[in-house]
Protein backbone atom coordinates (compact mmCIF):
# COMPACT_ATOMS: atom_id res chain seq x y z
CA MET A 1 -66.76 -6.28 62.99
CA GLN A 2 -63.48 -4.70 64.08
CA VAL A 3 -61.91 -5.35 60.66
CA GLY A 4 -64.79 -3.60 58.90
CA ALA A 5 -64.55 -0.63 61.24
CA ASN A 6 -60.80 -0.37 60.66
CA ARG A 7 -61.36 -0.49 56.90
CA GLN A 8 -63.89 2.33 57.04
CA ILE A 9 -61.64 4.47 59.25
CA ALA A 10 -58.69 3.91 56.91
CA GLU A 11 -60.80 4.86 53.89
CA LYS A 12 -62.09 8.02 55.57
CA ILE A 13 -58.59 9.08 56.58
CA PHE A 14 -57.27 8.40 53.09
CA TYR A 15 -60.03 10.33 51.31
CA GLY A 16 -59.84 13.16 53.84
CA ILE A 17 -56.09 13.57 53.25
CA LEU A 18 -56.62 13.34 49.50
CA LEU A 19 -59.16 16.17 49.76
CA VAL A 20 -56.74 18.35 51.76
CA TYR A 21 -54.05 17.63 49.17
CA LEU A 22 -56.42 18.72 46.40
CA VAL A 23 -57.55 21.92 48.14
CA LEU A 24 -54.02 23.05 48.98
CA GLY A 25 -52.93 22.04 45.49
CA LEU A 26 -55.60 24.26 43.93
CA ILE A 27 -54.78 27.19 46.22
CA ASN A 28 -51.08 27.14 45.41
CA LEU A 29 -51.24 25.64 41.93
CA ASN A 30 -49.94 28.74 40.15
CA VAL A 31 -47.29 29.74 42.68
CA ILE A 32 -45.35 26.61 43.63
CA PRO A 33 -43.24 26.49 41.68
CA ILE A 34 -43.09 29.52 39.44
CA PRO A 35 -42.83 28.54 35.73
CA TRP A 36 -39.57 26.69 35.16
CA LEU A 37 -37.46 25.14 32.42
CA ASP A 38 -39.08 21.71 32.02
CA GLU A 39 -42.57 23.18 32.18
CA ALA A 40 -41.85 25.66 29.40
CA ALA A 41 -39.96 23.08 27.33
CA CYS A 42 -42.97 20.75 27.21
CA LEU A 43 -45.51 23.54 26.77
CA GLU A 44 -43.77 25.55 24.02
CA PRO A 45 -44.34 23.03 21.16
CA ALA A 46 -48.06 23.00 22.01
CA VAL A 47 -48.13 26.82 22.01
CA MET A 48 -46.42 26.87 18.60
CA TRP A 49 -48.82 24.20 17.34
CA GLN A 50 -51.81 26.25 18.43
CA ARG A 51 -50.38 29.46 16.97
CA THR A 52 -49.05 28.17 13.63
CA GLY A 53 -51.00 24.97 13.03
CA ASN A 54 -47.69 23.11 12.73
CA TYR A 55 -46.15 20.76 15.26
CA ILE A 56 -42.85 22.60 15.68
CA SER A 57 -40.63 24.17 18.31
CA LYS A 58 -38.35 27.17 18.14
CA ALA A 59 -37.20 26.95 21.75
CA TRP A 60 -35.59 23.49 21.67
CA PRO A 61 -31.92 23.49 20.63
CA THR A 62 -32.11 20.24 18.61
CA PRO A 63 -31.60 20.86 14.87
CA GLY A 64 -34.76 20.42 12.83
CA THR A 65 -37.35 21.23 15.51
CA GLU A 66 -38.31 24.43 13.68
CA GLN A 67 -39.57 22.18 10.85
CA LEU A 68 -41.05 19.30 12.89
CA PHE A 69 -40.73 18.74 16.63
CA LEU A 70 -39.53 15.22 17.39
CA SER A 71 -37.10 15.75 20.26
CA TYR A 72 -39.50 14.45 22.92
CA PRO A 73 -42.29 11.85 22.84
CA PRO A 74 -45.59 13.56 22.01
CA GLY A 75 -47.81 12.46 24.91
CA ILE A 76 -47.47 15.52 27.13
CA MET A 77 -47.57 17.92 24.16
CA MET A 78 -50.84 16.38 22.99
CA LEU A 79 -52.35 16.94 26.44
CA HIS A 80 -51.13 20.53 26.47
CA ARG A 81 -52.61 21.12 23.02
CA LEU A 82 -55.97 19.79 24.21
CA THR A 83 -55.79 21.99 27.32
CA LEU A 84 -54.97 25.10 25.27
CA SER A 85 -57.96 24.45 23.01
CA VAL A 86 -60.28 24.58 26.04
CA PHE A 87 -58.60 26.82 28.63
CA PRO A 88 -56.52 29.99 28.44
CA ALA A 89 -52.72 29.78 28.44
CA ASP A 90 -52.48 30.55 32.15
CA VAL A 91 -50.24 28.80 34.66
CA PHE A 92 -53.23 27.57 36.68
CA TRP A 93 -55.12 26.08 33.75
CA VAL A 94 -52.03 24.48 32.22
CA ARG A 95 -51.23 22.74 35.50
CA LEU A 96 -54.77 21.81 36.54
CA PRO A 97 -55.07 18.63 34.40
CA PHE A 98 -51.83 17.33 35.87
CA LEU A 99 -53.00 17.80 39.45
CA ILE A 100 -56.29 16.03 38.66
CA ILE A 101 -54.54 13.17 36.83
CA HIS A 102 -52.03 12.81 39.66
CA LEU A 103 -54.66 12.56 42.41
CA GLY A 104 -56.79 10.30 40.21
CA SER A 105 -53.81 7.97 39.84
CA VAL A 106 -53.28 7.79 43.60
CA TRP A 107 -56.99 7.11 44.14
CA LEU A 108 -56.91 4.33 41.54
CA LEU A 109 -53.77 2.88 43.10
CA PHE A 110 -55.59 2.74 46.44
CA ARG A 111 -58.60 0.99 44.91
CA VAL A 112 -56.44 -1.50 43.01
CA SER A 113 -54.39 -2.31 46.12
CA GLN A 114 -57.52 -2.78 48.20
CA CYS A 115 -59.85 -4.52 45.74
CA ASN A 116 -57.65 -6.29 43.18
CA LEU A 117 -54.64 -7.15 45.34
CA LYS A 118 -56.83 -7.83 48.41
CA LEU A 119 -54.66 -5.65 50.62
CA ASP A 120 -55.90 -4.51 54.03
CA ALA A 121 -57.36 -1.01 53.61
CA ARG A 122 -54.94 0.30 56.22
CA TRP A 123 -51.92 -1.04 54.34
CA ALA A 124 -53.33 0.26 51.05
CA ALA A 125 -53.86 3.72 52.53
CA LEU A 126 -50.40 3.75 54.11
CA LEU A 127 -48.64 2.78 50.87
CA CYS A 128 -50.58 5.32 48.79
CA LEU A 129 -50.08 8.13 51.30
CA TYR A 130 -46.38 7.34 51.51
CA PHE A 131 -46.23 7.67 47.73
CA LEU A 132 -48.35 10.84 47.75
CA PHE A 133 -46.14 12.69 50.25
CA ASP A 134 -42.79 11.58 48.90
CA LYS A 135 -40.72 14.69 48.16
CA ALA A 136 -40.12 13.83 44.51
CA VAL A 137 -43.73 12.78 43.94
CA PHE A 138 -45.03 15.97 45.49
CA GLU A 139 -42.72 18.02 43.26
CA ILE A 140 -43.88 16.17 40.15
CA SER A 141 -47.57 16.68 40.98
CA ARG A 142 -47.20 20.43 40.40
CA SER A 143 -44.35 20.61 37.91
CA VAL A 144 -46.05 19.66 34.60
CA ARG A 145 -43.69 16.81 33.73
CA SER A 146 -44.48 13.63 31.80
CA GLU A 147 -44.09 11.47 34.92
CA VAL A 148 -47.65 12.38 35.91
CA LEU A 149 -48.93 10.77 32.71
CA GLU A 150 -46.53 7.85 33.04
CA VAL A 151 -47.80 7.00 36.51
CA ALA A 152 -51.45 7.34 35.46
CA LEU A 153 -51.02 4.96 32.53
CA LEU A 154 -48.97 2.50 34.57
CA VAL A 155 -51.54 2.39 37.39
CA ALA A 156 -54.32 1.95 34.80
CA TRP A 157 -52.36 -0.94 33.25
CA MET A 158 -51.97 -2.43 36.72
CA ALA A 159 -55.72 -2.08 37.34
CA VAL A 160 -56.67 -3.91 34.13
CA TYR A 161 -54.02 -6.61 34.57
CA THR A 162 -54.97 -7.44 38.18
CA ARG A 163 -58.73 -7.24 37.58
CA LEU A 164 -60.43 -10.11 39.39
CA LYS A 165 -63.68 -10.14 37.44
CA PRO A 166 -63.17 -11.99 34.11
CA MET A 167 -63.22 -9.93 30.92
CA ARG A 168 -64.24 -11.01 27.46
CA ILE A 169 -61.56 -12.81 25.47
CA GLY A 170 -59.31 -10.28 23.81
CA LEU A 171 -60.76 -7.23 25.59
CA GLN A 172 -58.24 -7.27 28.42
CA GLY A 173 -55.40 -7.69 25.94
CA LEU A 174 -56.70 -4.83 23.80
CA LEU A 175 -56.99 -2.48 26.78
CA LEU A 176 -53.53 -3.40 28.08
CA GLY A 177 -52.13 -2.92 24.59
CA LEU A 178 -53.69 0.54 24.24
CA LEU A 179 -52.22 1.58 27.60
CA SER A 180 -48.82 0.17 26.62
CA GLY A 181 -48.90 2.06 23.33
CA ALA A 182 -49.78 5.25 25.17
CA MET A 183 -46.85 4.68 27.54
CA LEU A 184 -44.51 4.39 24.57
CA LEU A 185 -45.53 7.93 23.61
CA THR A 186 -44.82 9.49 27.01
CA HIS A 187 -41.09 8.90 27.59
CA LEU A 188 -38.30 6.61 26.43
CA LYS A 189 -37.61 5.45 29.99
CA LEU A 190 -40.93 3.57 29.92
CA TRP A 191 -39.91 1.49 26.91
CA PRO A 192 -38.05 -1.17 28.96
CA ILE A 193 -40.99 -1.31 31.39
CA VAL A 194 -43.43 -1.81 28.51
CA ALA A 195 -41.12 -4.42 26.97
CA VAL A 196 -41.00 -6.52 30.16
CA MET A 197 -44.76 -6.24 30.74
CA SER A 198 -45.50 -7.16 27.12
CA VAL A 199 -43.23 -10.20 27.09
CA TRP A 200 -44.62 -11.32 30.43
CA TYR A 201 -48.23 -10.92 29.31
CA ALA A 202 -47.60 -12.77 26.06
CA TRP A 203 -45.91 -15.60 28.01
CA GLN A 204 -48.87 -15.90 30.39
CA SER A 205 -51.61 -15.55 27.75
CA PHE A 206 -51.88 -18.61 25.58
CA SER A 207 -54.90 -17.31 23.65
CA PRO A 208 -53.99 -16.06 20.17
CA LYS A 209 -56.94 -13.65 20.31
CA THR A 210 -55.62 -12.11 23.51
CA ILE A 211 -52.09 -11.69 22.17
CA LEU A 212 -53.38 -10.31 18.86
CA GLY A 213 -55.61 -7.82 20.68
CA TYR A 214 -52.66 -6.71 22.81
CA ALA A 215 -50.41 -6.26 19.77
CA LEU A 216 -53.03 -4.31 17.83
CA GLY A 217 -53.78 -2.10 20.83
CA MET A 218 -50.10 -1.37 21.46
CA LEU A 219 -49.43 -0.45 17.83
CA LEU A 220 -52.49 1.77 17.32
CA LEU A 221 -51.39 5.03 18.96
CA PRO A 222 -47.72 4.87 17.85
CA MET A 223 -48.91 4.23 14.28
CA CYS A 224 -51.27 7.21 14.49
CA PHE A 225 -48.31 9.35 15.53
CA LEU A 226 -46.16 8.02 12.67
CA VAL A 227 -48.95 8.89 10.24
CA PHE A 228 -49.17 12.34 11.84
CA ILE A 229 -45.45 12.95 11.16
CA ASP A 230 -45.58 11.37 7.67
CA PHE A 231 -43.28 8.52 8.72
CA ARG A 232 -40.23 10.78 8.92
CA LEU A 233 -38.32 8.09 10.80
CA GLY A 234 -34.86 9.47 10.09
CA GLU A 235 -35.69 12.80 11.66
CA LEU A 236 -37.45 11.05 14.55
CA TYR A 237 -34.35 9.02 15.32
CA ALA A 238 -31.99 11.98 14.95
CA GLN A 239 -33.97 14.27 17.25
CA LEU A 240 -35.39 11.89 19.83
CA PHE A 241 -32.27 9.88 20.53
CA GLN A 242 -29.94 12.85 20.36
CA HIS A 243 -31.89 14.41 23.22
CA SER A 244 -32.11 11.14 25.17
CA MET A 245 -28.35 10.58 24.96
CA GLU A 246 -27.87 13.77 26.95
CA HIS A 247 -29.52 12.00 29.90
CA ALA A 248 -27.82 8.63 29.54
CA ALA A 249 -25.86 6.97 32.32
CA GLY A 250 -22.08 7.32 32.28
CA GLY A 251 -19.01 5.93 34.01
CA GLY A 252 -18.01 2.39 34.90
CA LEU A 253 -20.31 -0.31 36.22
CA HIS A 254 -19.56 0.51 39.86
CA VAL A 255 -20.40 4.16 39.18
CA ARG A 256 -23.70 3.24 37.55
CA ILE A 257 -24.64 0.91 40.42
CA TYR A 258 -23.87 3.65 42.94
CA ASN A 259 -25.85 6.21 40.95
CA TYR A 260 -28.84 3.89 40.60
CA PHE A 261 -29.13 2.97 44.27
CA VAL A 262 -27.73 6.09 45.94
CA GLY A 263 -26.78 8.91 43.60
CA ARG A 264 -30.22 9.02 41.98
CA PHE A 265 -31.74 9.89 45.33
CA TYR A 266 -29.16 12.37 46.56
CA PRO A 267 -31.32 15.51 46.25
CA VAL A 268 -34.14 13.65 48.01
CA TYR A 269 -32.47 11.71 50.80
CA LYS A 270 -31.28 14.88 52.49
CA GLU A 271 -34.92 15.04 53.60
CA GLN A 272 -35.75 11.32 53.25
CA PRO A 273 -32.54 9.51 54.23
CA TRP A 274 -34.14 6.06 54.20
CA LEU A 275 -34.68 5.97 50.42
CA PRO A 276 -31.49 4.12 49.36
CA LEU A 277 -32.16 1.46 52.01
CA LEU A 278 -35.79 1.19 50.87
CA HIS A 279 -34.64 0.80 47.27
CA GLY A 280 -32.31 -2.03 48.26
CA TRP A 281 -35.02 -3.73 50.33
CA VAL A 282 -37.54 -3.66 47.46
CA THR A 283 -34.89 -5.09 45.13
CA TRP A 284 -34.34 -7.95 47.58
CA LEU A 285 -38.11 -8.53 47.85
CA ALA A 286 -38.45 -8.56 44.07
CA TRP A 287 -35.66 -11.12 43.74
CA LYS A 288 -37.30 -13.39 46.33
CA GLN A 289 -40.70 -13.13 44.60
CA PHE A 290 -39.21 -13.80 41.20
CA ARG A 291 -37.47 -16.96 42.39
CA ALA A 292 -40.35 -18.29 44.50
CA GLN A 293 -43.39 -17.53 42.34
CA PRO A 294 -42.30 -16.61 38.82
CA LYS A 295 -45.81 -16.88 37.36
CA GLN A 296 -47.17 -14.25 39.79
CA ALA A 297 -44.06 -12.08 39.78
CA LEU A 298 -44.78 -9.55 37.03
CA PRO A 299 -43.97 -6.49 39.21
CA ALA A 300 -40.80 -8.23 40.42
CA ALA A 301 -39.75 -8.90 36.82
CA VAL A 302 -40.36 -5.29 35.85
CA TRP A 303 -38.44 -4.03 38.87
CA LEU A 304 -35.48 -6.33 38.20
CA PHE A 305 -35.17 -6.40 34.42
CA ALA A 306 -36.41 -2.92 33.51
CA GLY A 307 -34.47 -1.66 36.51
CA LEU A 308 -31.33 -3.27 35.12
CA VAL A 309 -31.78 -1.35 31.86
CA TRP A 310 -32.26 1.85 33.87
CA LEU A 311 -29.13 1.08 35.88
CA LEU A 312 -27.00 0.53 32.80
CA PHE A 313 -28.33 3.21 30.48
CA LEU A 314 -30.48 5.83 32.23
CA GLY A 315 -28.91 8.85 33.92
CA PRO A 316 -29.36 9.09 37.69
CA TYR A 317 -32.06 11.70 38.13
CA TYR A 318 -34.57 11.26 40.94
CA ARG A 319 -37.57 12.78 39.16
CA TYR A 320 -37.36 10.07 36.50
CA PHE A 321 -38.00 7.37 39.09
CA MET A 322 -41.75 7.88 39.62
CA PRO A 323 -43.03 5.04 37.36
CA MET A 324 -40.54 2.61 38.90
CA TYR A 325 -41.73 3.84 42.28
CA VAL A 326 -45.21 2.55 41.41
CA VAL A 327 -43.74 -0.81 40.41
CA GLY A 328 -41.95 -0.93 43.77
CA LEU A 329 -45.22 -0.27 45.61
CA TRP A 330 -46.77 -3.12 43.63
CA VAL A 331 -43.95 -5.42 44.74
CA VAL A 332 -44.46 -4.43 48.39
CA ALA A 333 -48.26 -4.74 48.16
CA GLN A 334 -47.94 -8.24 46.71
CA TRP A 335 -45.51 -9.20 49.50
CA LEU A 336 -47.92 -7.89 52.15
CA THR A 337 -50.78 -9.90 50.65
CA GLU A 338 -48.76 -13.10 50.30
CA THR A 339 -47.38 -12.96 53.84
CA GLN A 340 -50.60 -11.66 55.44
CA ARG A 341 -48.59 -9.14 57.40
CA PRO A 342 -50.66 -7.69 60.26
CA PHE A 343 -50.98 -3.92 60.32
CA PRO A 344 -48.77 -2.51 63.11
CA ALA A 345 -50.28 -0.74 66.09
CA LEU A 346 -49.28 2.90 65.74
CA ARG A 347 -49.31 3.60 69.46
CA LYS A 348 -45.61 4.14 70.03
CA TRP A 349 -43.76 7.40 69.52
CA TYR A 350 -41.16 6.16 67.04
CA TRP A 351 -43.37 6.65 63.99
CA LEU A 352 -43.80 10.37 64.70
CA PRO A 353 -40.33 11.46 63.47
CA VAL A 354 -40.84 9.52 60.23
CA LEU A 355 -44.26 11.09 59.76
CA GLY A 356 -42.78 14.52 60.42
CA LEU A 357 -40.03 13.99 57.85
CA MET A 358 -42.54 12.75 55.28
CA LEU A 359 -44.82 15.76 55.73
CA LEU A 360 -42.02 18.33 55.94
CA PRO A 361 -41.57 18.92 52.16
CA PHE A 362 -45.33 19.18 51.65
CA VAL A 363 -46.00 21.53 54.59
CA SER A 364 -42.93 23.73 54.13
CA ARG A 365 -43.46 24.30 50.41
CA HIS A 366 -47.14 25.11 50.80
CA ALA A 367 -46.35 27.45 53.69
CA LEU A 368 -43.73 29.24 51.62
CA GLY A 369 -46.11 29.44 48.67
CA LEU A 370 -48.71 31.17 50.85
CA ALA A 371 -46.17 33.50 52.50
CA GLN A 372 -44.53 34.48 49.19
CA ARG A 373 -47.72 34.71 47.15
CA PRO A 374 -47.26 38.37 46.09
CA GLU A 375 -43.79 37.73 44.64
CA ARG A 376 -44.77 34.40 43.05
CA ASP A 377 -48.04 35.51 41.45
CA PRO A 378 -47.73 34.93 37.67
CA LYS A 379 -50.67 37.19 36.83
CA ALA A 380 -49.02 40.16 38.53
CA CYS A 381 -45.74 39.43 36.76
CA LEU A 382 -47.49 39.14 33.40
CA GLN A 383 -49.22 42.45 34.01
CA PHE A 384 -45.80 43.94 34.70
CA LEU A 385 -44.55 42.61 31.35
CA GLU A 386 -47.65 44.01 29.62
CA ASN A 387 -46.47 47.46 30.66
CA GLN A 388 -42.87 46.87 29.57
CA VAL A 389 -43.00 44.91 26.31
CA PRO A 390 -44.15 46.72 23.14
CA LYS A 391 -47.40 45.59 21.55
CA THR A 392 -46.15 46.26 18.02
CA GLY A 393 -43.15 44.99 16.10
CA ARG A 394 -41.48 41.60 16.36
CA ILE A 395 -40.47 40.83 19.96
CA LEU A 396 -38.28 38.05 21.37
CA LEU A 397 -38.23 37.20 25.07
CA TYR A 398 -35.78 34.77 26.56
CA GLY A 399 -34.62 33.75 29.98
CA ASN A 400 -37.30 33.46 32.69
CA GLU A 401 -40.01 31.00 31.62
CA ILE A 402 -42.83 33.44 32.45
CA GLY A 403 -41.92 34.85 29.04
CA LEU A 404 -43.53 31.82 27.37
CA TYR A 405 -46.87 32.52 29.03
CA TYR A 406 -46.62 36.13 27.84
CA ALA A 407 -45.72 35.04 24.29
CA ALA A 408 -48.63 32.57 24.22
CA LYS A 409 -51.03 35.54 24.43
CA HIS A 410 -49.26 37.87 21.99
CA SER A 411 -48.83 36.82 18.38
CA ASN A 412 -46.00 39.34 17.81
CA THR A 413 -43.86 37.78 20.56
CA ASP A 414 -41.66 34.68 20.55
CA PHE A 415 -39.99 32.98 23.49
CA THR A 416 -36.89 30.85 23.80
CA HIS A 417 -34.76 29.48 26.60
CA ILE A 418 -31.43 31.06 27.32
CA THR A 419 -29.86 27.72 26.47
CA SER A 420 -31.25 27.51 22.94
CA PRO A 421 -31.44 30.70 20.86
CA ASP A 422 -30.10 29.01 17.72
CA HIS A 423 -33.46 28.99 15.86
CA PHE A 424 -33.69 32.78 16.06
CA GLY A 425 -31.79 35.46 14.18
CA PHE A 426 -31.03 38.75 15.82
CA ASP A 427 -32.15 40.69 12.73
CA GLU A 428 -35.60 39.06 12.77
CA TYR A 429 -36.75 41.16 15.73
CA ASP A 430 -37.38 44.78 16.47
CA SER A 431 -36.72 44.25 20.19
CA ILE A 432 -35.10 41.49 22.21
CA TYR A 433 -35.50 41.32 26.00
CA PHE A 434 -33.64 39.13 28.43
CA LEU A 435 -35.59 38.25 31.61
CA THR A 436 -33.39 37.17 34.51
CA ASP A 437 -32.71 37.71 38.20
CA VAL A 438 -28.95 37.53 37.58
CA PRO A 439 -27.24 40.95 37.28
CA HIS A 440 -25.63 41.63 33.88
CA PRO A 441 -23.86 45.01 34.09
CA GLU A 442 -22.75 44.71 30.46
CA LEU A 443 -26.41 44.97 29.32
CA ARG A 444 -28.77 47.92 29.51
CA MET A 445 -31.47 47.26 32.11
CA LYS A 446 -34.89 48.56 31.14
CA THR A 447 -36.59 47.90 34.48
CA ILE A 448 -36.72 45.53 37.45
CA TYR A 449 -39.74 43.74 38.89
CA GLN A 450 -40.10 44.45 42.60
CA PRO A 451 -43.39 43.09 43.98
CA LYS A 452 -44.31 43.17 47.64
CA GLN A 453 -42.04 40.91 49.69
CA TYR A 454 -42.40 39.73 53.25
CA ALA A 455 -39.39 39.22 55.50
CA LEU A 456 -39.33 35.54 56.43
CA PRO A 457 -37.01 33.60 58.74
CA GLY A 458 -34.04 31.93 57.09
CA TRP A 459 -35.11 28.42 58.09
CA MET A 460 -38.31 28.83 56.08
CA TYR A 461 -36.35 29.51 52.89
CA ALA A 462 -34.07 26.55 53.64
CA LEU A 463 -36.99 24.16 54.03
CA GLY A 464 -39.30 25.50 51.35
CA ARG A 465 -36.84 26.60 48.68
CA GLY A 466 -38.09 27.61 45.25
CA GLY A 467 -37.68 30.81 43.27
CA THR A 468 -39.86 33.88 42.90
CA PHE A 469 -40.27 36.65 40.33
CA ALA A 470 -38.87 39.26 42.72
CA ASN A 471 -35.97 41.28 41.28
CA MET A 472 -36.47 39.90 37.78
CA ARG A 473 -34.61 42.28 35.51
CA VAL A 474 -35.68 43.17 31.98
CA TYR A 475 -32.55 43.74 29.92
CA VAL A 476 -32.54 45.20 26.43
CA VAL A 477 -30.30 43.24 24.07
CA ARG A 478 -28.96 45.78 21.61
CA SER A 479 -26.62 43.72 19.43
CA GLU A 480 -25.95 40.19 18.34
CA GLU A 481 -22.65 40.33 20.21
CA GLU A 482 -24.47 41.05 23.47
CA TRP A 483 -26.89 38.23 22.81
CA LYS A 484 -24.14 35.72 22.17
CA ALA A 485 -22.10 36.93 25.13
CA VAL A 486 -24.99 36.24 27.49
CA ALA A 487 -25.84 32.84 25.95
CA LYS A 488 -22.25 31.63 25.64
CA PRO A 489 -21.96 30.03 29.13
CA PHE A 490 -25.11 28.01 28.42
CA TYR A 491 -24.92 27.34 24.70
CA GLY A 492 -21.19 27.27 24.01
CA TRP A 493 -21.04 29.89 21.29
CA ASP A 494 -17.53 30.94 20.28
């Protein structure tokens, strides 16, 4: 009776927190953060696709993207294109699917941990809430990056793989294959994860029908994409791997080991200092599981072997780690089930500091989003640009990513990042405007955006961080020399 009551309490707490997360997420969806580089980079090809009917990009610096965009796997662009066909090109509507997918993934992870892995509801809730409030995970949930899709597909794969109720022969393999194929189209860092899971599944499944269904499912979506791009494999290789090499790991083996276990987490462990130790502990758990029960150690194999590929070849960037984070939670959940670990009594004070540290990024950023709403409001900033940017003639905006949302609504306006103006010629445009909060006395400033600002204590800025639109300057670029002078530090023009 007590166990059932504890399960119900844990479920109520979990769903209540998930609801609070959703409500606050909706309230601040368009203000934390303001539009930023990665968001615009993944959205711009979809905007160009909607506008021109061609899958191209003029804002990416990779050669050839103005003819066919192949510098990034197409998964997130396809979702953006679907969103733009239904909703307006507003910050809120562009981000809404990602928030829903993110929370849906966490809900599914909870159900899989509880039902498929037979984990105590309290442990399942604790693991999922720890994941939900991790600093990096919280940032990703509102940043429109591909990791949201990666996690969703990986948790769905986990749900089908660990399903307790038998499925028809071949159906499970087909579903797992479809999910694996979709993961291949989200990001290159998932390829080693998919490779380990595929080899493991083929080794465990002796049925030819199952393996055939998996192979057909995995090939379906990538083949559809190859048909979509007319099998231009040379251009795909040149663009996709040129961009990925910019994020590859570097240095000697000791440097790569340090970056994988410590350096990758540096921006995060200033607020969550236990992360490198947690990473090492999960690695130790995975090694023990792999040696003791190799047939049940799929998550351990993924953590160890795919992690080794990440260690050797992937650059140390904490936002990339979200899918591996899910694998780590799977390893821990399996360990908890195998060892029948009792749930600790949370009556002592020592868990309060950890809880406070976990909630600090979430609370501080939402508080800052509410306090700075007037200077973060994208609609007000776009209205400001409506009054400053001409409605006739060919216009180019570059710099602040709010320019992309403006360009998406005006067919006479293009947008590019300050780092990649090489697809644009100065003579193509009647007016070029540079949007930035950095003073450039060598340029002629047309105006400056000065919304209402509230004086806040310094500690609030330190904890919440994040930029605003306040003091965004609109500079008029009058010559190609001025344009190149501004872009030179970023692009390397001579």
